Protein backbone atom coordinates (compact mmCIF):
# COMPACT_ATOMS: atom_id res chain seq x y z
CA MET A 1 96.86 112.51 -75.56
CA PRO A 2 100.23 110.80 -75.94
CA SER A 3 102.02 111.11 -72.55
CA SER A 4 104.83 112.95 -74.31
CA SER A 5 102.49 115.94 -75.21
CA ARG A 6 101.94 118.85 -72.93
CA SER A 7 98.86 121.18 -72.72
CA SER A 8 96.69 122.99 -70.40
CA ARG A 9 94.01 121.15 -68.18
CA SER A 10 91.77 119.63 -70.64
CA THR A 11 87.86 119.22 -70.63
CA ILE A 12 86.81 115.53 -71.33
CA GLY A 13 83.44 114.79 -72.91
CA GLU A 14 81.54 111.74 -74.30
CA THR A 15 82.91 109.82 -77.09
CA ARG A 16 80.66 110.54 -80.05
CA ARG A 17 80.14 108.32 -83.19
CA ILE A 18 81.70 109.66 -86.49
CA GLU A 19 79.31 108.86 -89.53
CA TRP A 20 80.79 108.26 -92.82
CA LEU A 21 79.76 110.31 -96.02
CA LYS A 22 76.84 108.39 -97.43
CA ALA A 23 78.42 108.26 -100.80
CA TYR A 24 81.76 106.93 -99.45
CA LYS A 25 79.87 104.39 -97.28
CA GLU A 26 78.11 103.15 -100.40
CA ALA A 27 81.45 103.03 -102.37
CA THR A 28 83.21 101.06 -99.76
CA GLU A 29 80.38 98.48 -99.71
CA LYS A 30 80.32 98.18 -103.44
CA TYR A 31 84.09 98.20 -104.18
CA SER A 32 86.10 96.99 -101.37
CA SER A 33 85.70 93.49 -101.77
CA GLN A 34 87.72 93.61 -105.15
CA VAL A 35 90.53 95.73 -103.91
CA LYS A 36 93.99 94.09 -103.52
CA LEU A 37 97.26 95.12 -102.38
CA SER A 38 100.26 94.17 -104.50
CA ALA A 39 103.08 91.96 -103.14
CA ASP A 40 105.37 94.87 -102.45
CA GLY A 41 102.61 96.88 -100.66
CA LEU A 42 102.91 99.86 -102.81
CA ALA A 43 99.98 99.71 -105.19
CA LEU A 44 96.18 99.15 -104.91
CA GLN A 45 94.61 96.82 -107.30
CA SER A 46 91.14 97.26 -108.86
CA TYR A 47 90.52 100.28 -106.76
CA VAL A 48 87.51 102.66 -107.68
CA ALA A 49 86.33 104.63 -104.56
CA GLY A 50 85.53 104.45 -100.85
CA LEU A 51 87.86 102.93 -98.26
CA PRO A 52 90.16 100.29 -99.80
CA PHE A 53 90.33 97.73 -96.64
CA PRO A 54 87.32 98.19 -94.27
CA ASN A 55 87.98 94.76 -92.54
CA LEU A 56 91.42 94.36 -91.08
CA ASP A 57 92.99 91.40 -89.54
CA PRO A 58 95.85 92.13 -86.90
CA LYS A 59 97.59 89.18 -87.70
CA ASP A 60 97.89 90.10 -91.57
CA PRO A 61 101.44 90.70 -92.31
CA GLN A 62 100.51 93.63 -94.61
CA ILE A 63 98.03 95.23 -91.87
CA ALA A 64 100.39 98.26 -91.45
CA LEU A 65 100.64 98.95 -95.21
CA LYS A 66 96.64 98.48 -95.19
CA ILE A 67 96.20 101.02 -92.55
CA MET A 68 98.30 103.71 -94.29
CA TRP A 69 96.53 102.93 -97.54
CA ASN A 70 93.00 103.37 -95.74
CA TYR A 71 94.54 106.61 -94.18
CA GLU A 72 95.57 107.94 -97.69
CA TYR A 73 92.24 107.10 -99.12
CA GLY A 74 90.01 108.07 -96.07
CA LEU A 75 87.13 110.20 -95.64
CA LEU A 76 88.30 112.41 -98.52
CA THR A 77 86.41 115.00 -100.72
CA ASP A 78 87.07 115.31 -104.39
CA ASP A 79 88.24 118.93 -103.95
CA LEU A 80 89.19 121.28 -101.11
CA ASP A 81 90.06 125.01 -100.68
CA ILE A 82 91.02 126.27 -97.36
CA ARG A 83 91.32 130.14 -97.19
CA ASN A 84 92.54 133.05 -95.20
CA PHE A 85 94.44 130.99 -92.53
CA ASP A 86 97.31 132.27 -90.29
CA ALA A 87 100.00 130.90 -88.24
CA ASP A 88 102.12 131.96 -85.26
CA THR A 89 105.48 130.64 -84.19
CA GLY A 90 107.74 131.27 -81.24
CA THR A 91 108.88 129.90 -77.86
CA ILE A 92 106.69 128.62 -75.32
CA ALA A 93 106.68 128.39 -71.63
CA ASP A 94 106.05 125.37 -69.61
CA HIS A 95 102.25 125.90 -68.68
CA GLY A 96 102.34 129.38 -70.12
CA GLY A 97 102.05 131.26 -73.25
CA MET A 98 103.68 131.68 -76.60
CA THR A 99 106.30 134.52 -77.20
CA ILE A 100 105.40 135.19 -80.87
CA GLU A 101 108.49 135.59 -83.19
CA ARG A 102 106.77 135.55 -86.51
CA HIS A 103 103.24 135.84 -87.84
CA PHE A 104 102.23 134.27 -91.16
CA LEU A 105 98.79 134.91 -93.22
CA LEU A 106 98.35 132.43 -96.20
CA ASP A 107 95.66 132.87 -98.84
CA HIS A 108 94.85 129.30 -100.19
CA LEU A 109 95.53 125.73 -99.58
CA ARG A 110 93.86 123.75 -102.46
CA ARG A 111 93.69 120.20 -103.15
CA LEU A 112 92.24 118.24 -106.31
CA PHE A 113 92.04 114.64 -106.36
CA TRP A 114 91.91 112.77 -109.64
CA ASN A 115 90.69 109.33 -108.64
CA GLY A 116 88.13 107.86 -105.99
CA ARG A 117 85.79 110.81 -106.86
CA LEU A 118 82.29 110.54 -105.51
CA TYR A 119 80.80 114.20 -105.69
CA VAL A 120 81.98 116.33 -108.46
CA ASP A 121 81.86 115.27 -112.10
CA PRO A 122 83.73 113.46 -113.65
CA LYS A 123 83.53 110.62 -111.37
CA PRO A 124 85.01 108.27 -110.21
CA GLU A 125 88.34 109.46 -112.11
CA MET A 126 89.20 112.48 -114.18
CA ASP A 127 90.80 111.99 -117.53
CA ASN A 128 94.14 111.18 -116.05
CA PRO A 129 97.02 110.73 -118.52
CA ASN A 130 99.62 111.65 -115.99
CA GLY A 131 98.25 109.10 -113.46
CA TYR A 132 97.71 111.94 -110.69
CA ARG A 133 96.34 110.80 -107.33
CA ARG A 134 96.13 114.42 -106.21
CA GLN A 135 97.62 117.88 -106.69
CA GLU A 136 98.00 120.35 -104.01
CA GLY A 137 99.07 123.94 -103.81
CA LEU A 138 99.72 126.33 -100.99
CA TYR A 139 99.97 129.86 -102.07
CA PRO A 140 100.46 132.72 -102.03
CA VAL A 141 101.89 133.87 -98.67
CA LEU A 142 100.52 137.25 -97.91
CA GLU A 143 102.37 137.91 -94.54
CA PRO A 144 105.10 138.49 -93.43
CA TYR A 145 106.38 141.17 -96.29
CA ASP A 146 109.72 139.46 -96.86
CA LEU A 147 107.85 136.13 -97.74
CA LYS A 148 104.93 137.71 -99.63
CA GLY A 149 104.20 135.84 -102.78
CA VAL A 150 106.01 132.54 -101.76
CA GLY A 151 104.30 129.26 -102.62
CA GLY A 152 104.55 125.74 -103.26
CA LEU A 153 102.90 123.00 -105.51
CA SER A 154 103.13 119.27 -105.46
CA ASN A 155 101.56 116.37 -107.60
CA ARG A 156 101.28 112.91 -106.08
CA TYR A 157 100.75 109.79 -108.47
CA ILE A 158 98.59 106.81 -108.09
CA ASP A 159 101.68 104.70 -108.80
CA ALA A 160 103.64 104.75 -105.60
CA SER A 161 106.96 103.99 -107.50
CA LYS A 162 106.83 107.54 -108.98
CA GLN A 163 108.21 110.33 -106.68
CA ASP A 164 106.10 113.47 -106.01
CA ASP A 165 106.60 116.40 -108.17
CA SER A 166 107.19 119.35 -105.62
CA TRP A 167 108.05 123.02 -106.37
CA LEU A 168 108.67 126.16 -104.33
CA TYR A 169 108.32 129.60 -105.74
CA LEU A 170 110.70 132.42 -104.14
CA PRO A 171 109.64 135.92 -105.51
CA SER A 172 112.74 137.30 -104.03
CA LEU A 173 114.99 135.30 -106.15
CA ARG A 174 112.58 135.24 -108.88
CA ARG A 175 112.85 131.63 -109.40
CA VAL A 176 111.00 128.18 -108.98
CA ARG A 177 112.95 125.65 -106.99
CA ARG A 178 112.22 121.75 -107.42
CA LEU A 179 112.17 120.02 -103.98
CA SER A 180 113.44 116.57 -103.42
CA ALA A 181 111.25 113.98 -101.39
CA ALA A 182 113.66 114.53 -98.43
CA GLN A 183 113.50 118.28 -98.41
CA ARG A 184 109.66 117.89 -97.83
CA SER A 185 110.77 117.23 -94.02
CA ASP A 186 112.49 120.55 -93.61
CA ALA A 187 111.01 123.22 -91.41
CA LEU A 188 109.30 126.04 -93.35
CA PHE A 189 110.55 129.51 -92.76
CA GLY A 190 111.47 129.37 -89.22
CA GLN A 191 108.28 127.52 -88.36
CA ASP A 192 108.32 124.14 -86.75
CA THR A 193 106.04 122.67 -89.41
CA ASP A 194 107.10 120.77 -92.40
CA VAL A 195 105.19 119.88 -95.47
CA ASP A 196 105.40 115.95 -94.81
CA SER A 197 103.84 116.32 -91.25
CA TYR A 198 100.48 118.28 -92.41
CA GLY A 199 97.42 116.59 -91.39
CA GLY A 200 99.60 114.09 -89.15
CA TYR A 201 101.42 112.68 -92.17
CA ALA A 202 101.35 113.98 -95.76
CA GLY A 203 104.17 112.12 -97.16
CA HIS A 204 104.22 109.29 -99.34
CA ILE A 205 103.44 105.59 -98.21
CA ALA A 206 106.56 104.39 -100.31
CA TRP A 207 108.96 106.52 -98.35
CA MET A 208 108.56 104.74 -95.09
CA SER A 209 108.95 101.26 -93.77
CA TRP A 210 105.76 100.67 -91.62
CA LYS A 211 105.09 98.79 -88.54
CA PHE A 212 102.07 98.01 -86.90
CA LEU A 213 102.39 98.58 -83.02
CA GLY A 214 98.82 97.73 -82.11
CA GLU A 215 95.84 99.58 -80.69
CA ARG A 216 95.36 102.02 -77.98
CA ASP A 217 93.04 104.63 -76.26
CA LEU A 218 93.73 108.31 -76.10
CA ILE A 219 91.96 111.54 -75.91
CA GLY A 220 91.65 114.01 -78.85
CA VAL A 221 89.48 116.89 -80.33
CA PHE A 222 87.06 115.27 -82.70
CA HIS A 223 83.91 117.09 -81.97
CA GLY A 224 85.34 120.62 -81.40
CA ARG A 225 82.82 123.08 -80.18
CA HIS A 226 84.53 126.12 -81.44
CA PHE A 227 84.75 127.26 -85.14
CA PRO A 228 86.99 129.18 -85.52
CA VAL A 229 89.30 127.74 -83.18
CA LYS A 230 89.70 128.98 -79.38
CA TRP A 231 92.93 129.22 -77.84
CA ASN A 232 93.38 128.55 -74.26
CA ASP A 233 93.64 131.74 -72.19
CA LYS A 234 96.78 130.77 -70.20
CA VAL A 235 98.49 128.51 -72.70
CA ASP A 236 97.82 130.06 -75.85
CA TRP A 237 99.12 127.66 -78.14
CA ALA A 238 96.75 124.98 -77.05
CA PHE A 239 93.15 124.36 -77.90
CA ASP A 240 90.35 125.46 -75.44
CA ASP A 241 87.77 122.79 -76.42
CA VAL A 242 86.30 119.36 -75.39
CA TRP A 243 88.32 116.19 -75.93
CA GLU A 244 87.11 112.70 -76.02
CA LYS A 245 88.44 109.23 -75.77
CA ARG A 246 89.16 107.46 -79.15
CA ARG A 247 90.42 104.12 -80.35
CA VAL A 248 93.29 104.48 -82.56
CA TYR A 249 95.73 102.24 -84.65
CA VAL A 250 99.37 102.98 -83.86
CA ILE A 251 101.86 102.96 -86.67
CA GLU A 252 105.39 103.39 -86.74
CA GLY A 253 107.17 104.72 -89.95
CA ILE A 254 110.86 104.78 -90.38
CA SER A 255 112.20 106.78 -93.49
CA LYS A 256 114.03 105.24 -96.34
CA LEU A 257 115.33 108.53 -97.44
CA PRO A 258 118.89 109.03 -96.36
CA GLN A 259 118.60 112.97 -96.12
CA TYR A 260 115.22 112.85 -94.36
CA ALA A 261 115.09 115.11 -91.23
CA TYR A 262 113.48 112.72 -89.07
CA GLY A 263 114.23 109.26 -87.84
CA LYS A 264 110.82 107.82 -87.31
CA ARG A 265 107.28 108.66 -86.74
CA THR A 266 104.62 107.08 -84.80
CA ILE A 267 101.15 108.00 -86.17
CA PHE A 268 97.91 107.56 -84.14
CA ILE A 269 94.95 107.05 -86.58
CA ASP A 270 91.23 106.94 -85.36
CA LYS A 271 89.55 103.77 -86.26
CA GLU A 272 86.47 105.36 -87.02
CA SER A 273 87.39 108.45 -89.17
CA TRP A 274 90.81 107.48 -90.48
CA LEU A 275 91.92 110.92 -89.17
CA VAL A 276 95.07 111.70 -86.97
CA PRO A 277 94.69 113.28 -83.70
CA TYR A 278 98.42 113.24 -83.01
CA SER A 279 101.81 112.33 -84.61
CA ASP A 280 104.87 111.85 -82.57
CA ILE A 281 108.08 112.60 -84.53
CA TYR A 282 111.65 111.47 -83.56
CA ASP A 283 115.09 112.63 -84.43
CA ARG A 284 117.82 110.30 -85.70
CA SER A 285 119.06 109.31 -82.27
CA GLY A 286 115.65 107.88 -81.46
CA GLU A 287 114.65 110.90 -79.06
CA LEU A 288 111.20 112.56 -79.19
CA TRP A 289 111.50 115.78 -81.21
CA LYS A 290 108.04 117.03 -82.18
CA ILE A 291 104.36 116.51 -81.76
CA TRP A 292 101.70 117.45 -84.41
CA ILE A 293 98.14 117.84 -82.88
CA ASN A 294 95.07 118.43 -84.73
CA HIS A 295 91.68 119.98 -83.83
CA TRP A 296 88.85 118.35 -85.69
CA GLY A 297 85.18 119.04 -85.75
CA PHE A 298 82.11 117.52 -87.71
CA ARG A 299 79.61 119.64 -88.95
CA ARG A 300 77.22 120.41 -91.85
CA LYS A 301 77.92 124.03 -91.94
CA ALA A 302 81.09 125.75 -90.91
CA LEU A 303 79.15 128.54 -89.09
CA GLU A 304 75.55 129.89 -88.85
CA ALA A 305 75.96 132.76 -91.24
CA ALA A 306 74.09 134.14 -94.43
CA GLY A 307 75.50 132.44 -97.21
CA ALA A 308 77.39 129.52 -95.51
CA ILE A 309 77.52 126.20 -97.48
CA GLU A 310 75.36 123.43 -96.02
CA TYR A 311 76.44 120.05 -96.79
CA PRO A 312 74.29 116.90 -97.01
CA ASP A 313 76.78 115.08 -94.50
CA GLU A 314 78.77 116.17 -91.71
CA MET A 315 82.14 117.18 -92.91
CA ALA A 316 85.53 117.16 -91.13
CA PHE A 317 86.69 120.71 -90.56
CA GLY A 318 90.09 120.78 -89.17
CA SER A 319 90.04 124.31 -87.66
CA ALA A 320 93.45 124.44 -86.09
CA ILE A 321 96.87 122.48 -85.85
CA VAL A 322 99.67 122.90 -83.13
CA MET A 323 103.39 121.45 -83.97
CA VAL A 324 105.52 121.51 -80.64
CA ASP A 325 109.25 121.29 -80.84
CA MET A 326 109.86 119.32 -77.57
CA GLN A 327 113.67 119.89 -77.59
CA LEU A 328 113.70 123.47 -78.25
CA GLU A 329 110.44 124.53 -76.39
CA HIS A 330 109.27 126.09 -79.50
CA ALA A 331 105.71 125.85 -81.26
CA THR A 332 103.82 126.75 -84.37
CA ARG A 333 100.11 127.21 -84.05
CA ALA A 334 97.72 127.74 -86.88
CA ALA A 335 93.92 128.67 -87.21
CA LEU A 336 92.10 127.55 -90.29
CA PRO A 337 90.51 130.15 -90.73
CA SER A 338 92.29 132.98 -89.05
CA LEU A 339 90.44 134.74 -86.20
CA ARG A 340 90.96 138.15 -88.16
CA PHE A 341 88.12 137.18 -90.71
CA PRO A 342 84.69 137.04 -88.89
CA GLY A 343 82.21 135.15 -90.92
CA GLU A 344 84.89 133.26 -93.11
CA GLN A 345 83.93 129.71 -93.55
CA GLY A 346 87.56 128.64 -94.03
CA TRP A 347 86.85 125.38 -95.54
CA TYR A 348 85.10 124.74 -98.89
CA PHE A 349 84.39 121.19 -99.76
CA ASN A 350 83.67 119.50 -103.46
CA GLN A 351 82.86 123.23 -104.89
CA GLY A 352 85.29 122.62 -107.82
CA GLU A 353 85.46 125.72 -110.35
CA LYS A 354 83.18 127.78 -108.09
CA THR A 355 85.92 128.10 -105.56
CA GLY A 356 88.86 128.17 -107.99
CA VAL A 357 89.92 124.58 -107.68
CA THR A 358 90.82 124.09 -111.39
CA GLU A 359 93.49 122.07 -113.24
CA GLU A 360 95.03 125.53 -114.11
CA TRP A 361 95.59 126.62 -110.57
CA PHE A 362 97.97 123.74 -109.96
CA THR A 363 100.49 124.91 -112.46
CA VAL A 364 103.83 126.57 -112.25
CA ALA A 365 102.65 129.35 -114.35
CA ALA A 366 99.78 130.19 -112.07
CA LEU A 367 102.09 130.01 -108.97
CA VAL A 368 104.44 132.34 -110.21
CA SER A 369 101.68 134.65 -111.41
CA ALA A 370 99.86 134.85 -108.06
CA GLY A 371 103.26 135.66 -106.44
CA HIS A 372 103.94 138.79 -108.39
């Protein structure tokens, strides 16, 4: 764990290998040799599917960008539906619990990837006149009552020179607000989290100047034993699980956007899985401000229950996140899925229309309709 992070005493286990999904590994072997990076580093050329750059040279002047493109096209699925997850936000005591200020319950976080597809027809790319890389929606909010029906949508394009389309629906105002790229770094509804920090970094590669800082070892939760998450009894905003040593790339990103909330990010990217255990976020004066922490677990089934989907490969279930504001001693924790729904699988991979991941769901009309 980065030295700046605080948590309860951790249980350290053995480092376990993370196997790539079979189809993803085969696509990498088949197509990666033909992939090139444009001179400005903002476009992949001749990409079809799999990891773009499996063989990296630390002396390559474009290594930081290649690592970030690998992260963007990492161990992904064709579509994803995360259901019934909740979050708490509040002040935290040093080595103590959270004083909860607000509780949030959300219905769906869905993603639809348009290119690099390996599992759900059409493959490897959908009919894509708009040039989408992916569409994402987070809606509707179910709790608290004053935010019920709120939700957001975003479109990301394969062409990195095109800005994301992002919308926020506010039922109380009966309006859909278009968000700028910089507004994606704003804290959401009194939480510590922001859209661009999801997963460790969810912003666009083109919005940052990237620098490779080298490699290092740290500890993270990559084979979490608990699903849903188990929170520590005393420090109830920290994971109670087994941590392991991992080798990571360390990448620094400095925003090119003048109104962006953060000065820079330091992102730790696992060399084997291309997932992020932590991201350190700094303010404009260069002081550590926030830390994003992910809880990962690899399994073929979310849980042992009747009707649970069994996948052919071990999938990456991100069962919890924590965002800590180090300056305000404040935090947001989220459980995916919520502990309130026993038997909920929470994560649904590559199910397409069966789990409601359709093109129609990622429209402003559907966003507004769900918020009524």
